[in-house]
Amino acid sequence: MHLLYDENGNPIPHGAHDEHHHHDHGHHHEDGTQECGHVCGTCGSEEKCKDENLALLTYMLQHNEHHAAELDEMADKLEKAGMADAAKQIREGVSDFQKGNIRLSLALTIVKEHLKEAK
């Protein structure tokens, strides 16, 4: 099991990869939807929504970075096992993944700046 941390430094447990499941990290509405496309204020407060979005984006970026590192390790193991062609494909996928992480990181920086300005 590995731990990730939210914006406030609180640990976010994440299951071991042999039991790896992706869970919906949003909140549920009475009609059963999980989409967060609601008008802020219906779940408590606009501030709470902003905090939730910041925590979730932080978590998702850390989560993706962790998976990129795991995939890099897998590529190393496959290469050592004589499967250089598979390792190459994984490394190219990790490169693409990291480009997405750069965009997520930029989005996180923008969100943080907006929240600072709002205070």
C-alpha atoms as a PDB file:
ATOM      1  CA  MET A   1       0.000   0.000   0.000  1.00  0.00           C
ATOM      2  CA  HIS A   2       1.280   3.456  -0.803  1.00  0.00           C
ATOM      3  CA  LEU A   3       0.123   6.767   0.526  1.00  0.00           C
ATOM      4  CA  LEU A   4      -0.604   9.936  -1.326  1.00  0.00           C
ATOM      5  CA  TYR A   5      -1.283  13.244   0.329  1.00  0.00           C
ATOM      6  CA  ASP A   6      -3.950  15.867  -0.252  1.00  0.00           C
ATOM      7  CA  GLU A   7      -3.304  19.617  -0.363  1.00  0.00           C
ATOM      8  CA  ASN A   8      -3.397  19.790   3.446  1.00  0.00           C
ATOM      9  CA  GLY A   9      -0.863  16.993   3.935  1.00  0.00           C
ATOM     10  CA  ASN A  10      -3.486  14.448   4.965  1.00  0.00           C
ATOM     11  CA  PRO A  11      -2.704  10.913   3.808  1.00  0.00           C
ATOM     12  CA  ILE A  12      -4.935   9.470   1.110  1.00  0.00           C
ATOM     13  CA  PRO A  13      -4.645   5.663   1.319  1.00  0.00           C
ATOM     14  CA  HIS A  14      -4.484   3.843  -1.957  1.00  0.00           C
ATOM     15  CA  GLY A  15      -4.653   0.057  -2.171  1.00  0.00           C
ATOM     16  CA  ALA A  16      -1.815  -2.226  -3.166  1.00  0.00           C
ATOM     17  CA  HIS A  17      -1.577  -2.868  -6.877  1.00  0.00           C
ATOM     18  CA  ASP A  18      -2.454  -6.529  -6.712  1.00  0.00           C
ATOM     19  CA  GLU A  19      -5.787  -5.311  -5.370  1.00  0.00           C
ATOM     20  CA  HIS A  20      -5.768  -2.117  -7.418  1.00  0.00           C
ATOM     21  CA  HIS A  21      -9.152  -0.558  -8.010  1.00  0.00           C
ATOM     22  CA  HIS A  22      -9.990   2.897  -9.209  1.00  0.00           C
ATOM     23  CA  HIS A  23     -12.798   4.400  -7.209  1.00  0.00           C
ATOM     24  CA  ASP A  24     -14.944   7.391  -7.928  1.00  0.00           C
ATOM     25  CA  HIS A  25     -13.529  10.195  -5.827  1.00  0.00           C
ATOM     26  CA  GLY A  26     -16.432  12.538  -6.471  1.00  0.00           C
ATOM     27  CA  HIS A  27     -19.511  12.866  -4.424  1.00  0.00           C
ATOM     28  CA  HIS A  28     -22.887  11.332  -5.052  1.00  0.00           C
ATOM     29  CA  HIS A  29     -26.174  13.138  -5.483  1.00  0.00           C
ATOM     30  CA  GLU A  30     -29.629  12.007  -4.442  1.00  0.00           C
ATOM     31  CA  ASP A  31     -30.501  11.124  -8.042  1.00  0.00           C
ATOM     32  CA  GLY A  32     -27.572   8.682  -8.093  1.00  0.00           C
ATOM     33  CA  THR A  33     -25.345  10.740 -10.380  1.00  0.00           C
ATOM     34  CA  GLN A  34     -21.691  11.091  -9.576  1.00  0.00           C
ATOM     35  CA  GLU A  35     -20.954  13.978 -11.904  1.00  0.00           C
ATOM     36  CA  CYS A  36     -19.714  17.162 -10.248  1.00  0.00           C
ATOM     37  CA  GLY A  37     -21.315  19.337 -12.892  1.00  0.00           C
ATOM     38  CA  HIS A  38     -23.773  20.693 -10.364  1.00  0.00           C
ATOM     39  CA  VAL A  39     -24.162  24.301  -9.381  1.00  0.00           C
ATOM     40  CA  CYS A  40     -21.832  24.968  -6.464  1.00  0.00           C
ATOM     41  CA  GLY A  41     -23.686  25.613  -3.282  1.00  0.00           C
ATOM     42  CA  THR A  42     -25.894  22.532  -3.561  1.00  0.00           C
ATOM     43  CA  CYS A  43     -23.357  20.402  -1.682  1.00  0.00           C
ATOM     44  CA  GLY A  44     -22.594  22.819   1.112  1.00  0.00           C
ATOM     45  CA  SER A  45     -20.649  25.785  -0.161  1.00  0.00           C
ATOM     46  CA  GLU A  46     -18.736  27.084  -3.134  1.00  0.00           C
ATOM     47  CA  GLU A  47     -15.583  27.128  -0.966  1.00  0.00           C
ATOM     48  CA  LYS A  48     -16.028  23.443  -0.170  1.00  0.00           C
ATOM     49  CA  CYS A  49     -16.288  22.651  -3.906  1.00  0.00           C
ATOM     50  CA  LYS A  50     -13.095  24.598  -4.602  1.00  0.00           C
ATOM     51  CA  ASP A  51     -11.280  22.752  -1.809  1.00  0.00           C
ATOM     52  CA  GLU A  52     -12.558  19.397  -3.077  1.00  0.00           C
ATOM     53  CA  ASN A  53     -11.449  20.170  -6.626  1.00  0.00           C
ATOM     54  CA  LEU A  54      -8.007  21.240  -5.414  1.00  0.00           C
ATOM     55  CA  ALA A  55      -7.592  18.121  -3.272  1.00  0.00           C
ATOM     56  CA  LEU A  56      -8.806  15.834  -6.046  1.00  0.00           C
ATOM     57  CA  LEU A  57      -6.576  17.382  -8.705  1.00  0.00           C
ATOM     58  CA  THR A  58      -3.583  17.181  -6.349  1.00  0.00           C
ATOM     59  CA  TYR A  59      -4.362  13.546  -5.613  1.00  0.00           C
ATOM     60  CA  MET A  60      -4.823  12.648  -9.282  1.00  0.00           C
ATOM     61  CA  LEU A  61      -1.532  14.263 -10.286  1.00  0.00           C
ATOM     62  CA  GLN A  62       0.364  12.430  -7.524  1.00  0.00           C
ATOM     63  CA  HIS A  63      -1.435   9.222  -8.466  1.00  0.00           C
ATOM     64  CA  ASN A  64      -0.448   9.572 -12.127  1.00  0.00           C
ATOM     65  CA  GLU A  65       3.160  10.422 -11.255  1.00  0.00           C
ATOM     66  CA  HIS A  66       3.342   7.323  -9.088  1.00  0.00           C
ATOM     67  CA  HIS A  67       1.990   5.144 -11.893  1.00  0.00           C
ATOM     68  CA  ALA A  68       4.495   6.627 -14.358  1.00  0.00           C
ATOM     69  CA  ALA A  69       7.313   5.635 -11.985  1.00  0.00           C
ATOM     70  CA  GLU A  70       5.874   2.126 -11.630  1.00  0.00           C
ATOM     71  CA  LEU A  71       5.648   1.754 -15.401  1.00  0.00           C
ATOM     72  CA  ASP A  72       9.269   2.877 -15.744  1.00  0.00           C
ATOM     73  CA  GLU A  73      10.261   0.127 -13.307  1.00  0.00           C
ATOM     74  CA  MET A  74       8.231  -2.380 -15.300  1.00  0.00           C
ATOM     75  CA  ALA A  75      10.005  -1.315 -18.503  1.00  0.00           C
ATOM     76  CA  ASP A  76      13.368  -1.918 -16.811  1.00  0.00           C
ATOM     77  CA  LYS A  77      12.292  -5.398 -15.725  1.00  0.00           C
ATOM     78  CA  LEU A  78      10.971  -6.277 -19.171  1.00  0.00           C
ATOM     79  CA  GLU A  79      14.167  -5.085 -20.805  1.00  0.00           C
ATOM     80  CA  LYS A  80      16.252  -7.218 -18.419  1.00  0.00           C
ATOM     81  CA  ALA A  81      13.965 -10.147 -19.282  1.00  0.00           C
ATOM     82  CA  GLY A  82      14.816  -9.763 -22.971  1.00  0.00           C
ATOM     83  CA  MET A  83      11.656  -7.937 -23.999  1.00  0.00           C
ATOM     84  CA  ALA A  84      13.201  -4.687 -25.181  1.00  0.00           C
ATOM     85  CA  ASP A  85      10.417  -4.123 -27.706  1.00  0.00           C
ATOM     86  CA  ALA A  86       7.758  -4.168 -24.978  1.00  0.00           C
ATOM     87  CA  ALA A  87       9.946  -2.009 -22.723  1.00  0.00           C
ATOM     88  CA  LYS A  88      10.289   0.541 -25.527  1.00  0.00           C
ATOM     89  CA  GLN A  89       6.507   0.747 -25.945  1.00  0.00           C
ATOM     90  CA  ILE A  90       6.026   1.248 -22.206  1.00  0.00           C
ATOM     91  CA  ARG A  91       8.662   3.985 -22.106  1.00  0.00           C
ATOM     92  CA  GLU A  92       6.977   5.766 -25.012  1.00  0.00           C
ATOM     93  CA  GLY A  93       3.647   5.466 -23.176  1.00  0.00           C
ATOM     94  CA  VAL A  94       5.242   6.838 -20.006  1.00  0.00           C
ATOM     95  CA  SER A  95       6.574   9.772 -22.012  1.00  0.00           C
ATOM     96  CA  ASP A  96       3.050  10.505 -23.252  1.00  0.00           C
ATOM     97  CA  PHE A  97       1.722  10.030 -19.720  1.00  0.00           C
ATOM     98  CA  GLN A  98       4.273  12.524 -18.369  1.00  0.00           C
ATOM     99  CA  LYS A  99       3.193  15.099 -20.954  1.00  0.00           C
ATOM    100  CA  GLY A 100      -0.327  14.782 -19.566  1.00  0.00           C
ATOM    101  CA  ASN A 101       1.040  15.144 -16.047  1.00  0.00           C
ATOM    102  CA  ILE A 102       2.725  18.401 -17.062  1.00  0.00           C
ATOM    103  CA  ARG A 103      -0.668  19.724 -18.163  1.00  0.00           C
ATOM    104  CA  LEU A 104      -2.263  18.547 -14.905  1.00  0.00           C
ATOM    105  CA  SER A 105       0.519  20.229 -12.947  1.00  0.00           C
ATOM    106  CA  LEU A 106      -0.043  23.469 -14.831  1.00  0.00           C
ATOM    107  CA  ALA A 107      -3.784  23.232 -14.177  1.00  0.00           C
ATOM    108  CA  LEU A 108      -3.075  22.678 -10.467  1.00  0.00           C
ATOM    109  CA  THR A 109      -0.844  25.756 -10.375  1.00  0.00           C
ATOM    110  CA  ILE A 110      -3.578  27.808 -12.062  1.00  0.00           C
ATOM    111  CA  VAL A 111      -6.216  26.569  -9.600  1.00  0.00           C
ATOM    112  CA  LYS A 112      -3.972  27.451  -6.659  1.00  0.00           C
ATOM    113  CA  GLU A 113      -3.386  30.939  -8.073  1.00  0.00           C
ATOM    114  CA  HIS A 114      -7.123  31.484  -8.547  1.00  0.00           C
ATOM    115  CA  LEU A 115      -7.778  30.397  -4.969  1.00  0.00           C
ATOM    116  CA  LYS A 116      -5.094  32.765  -3.637  1.00  0.00           C
ATOM    117  CA  GLU A 117      -6.614  35.665  -5.577  1.00  0.00           C
ATOM    118  CA  ALA A 118     -10.079  34.836  -4.257  1.00  0.00           C
ATOM    119  CA  LYS A 119      -8.981  35.151  -0.628  1.00  0.00           C
END
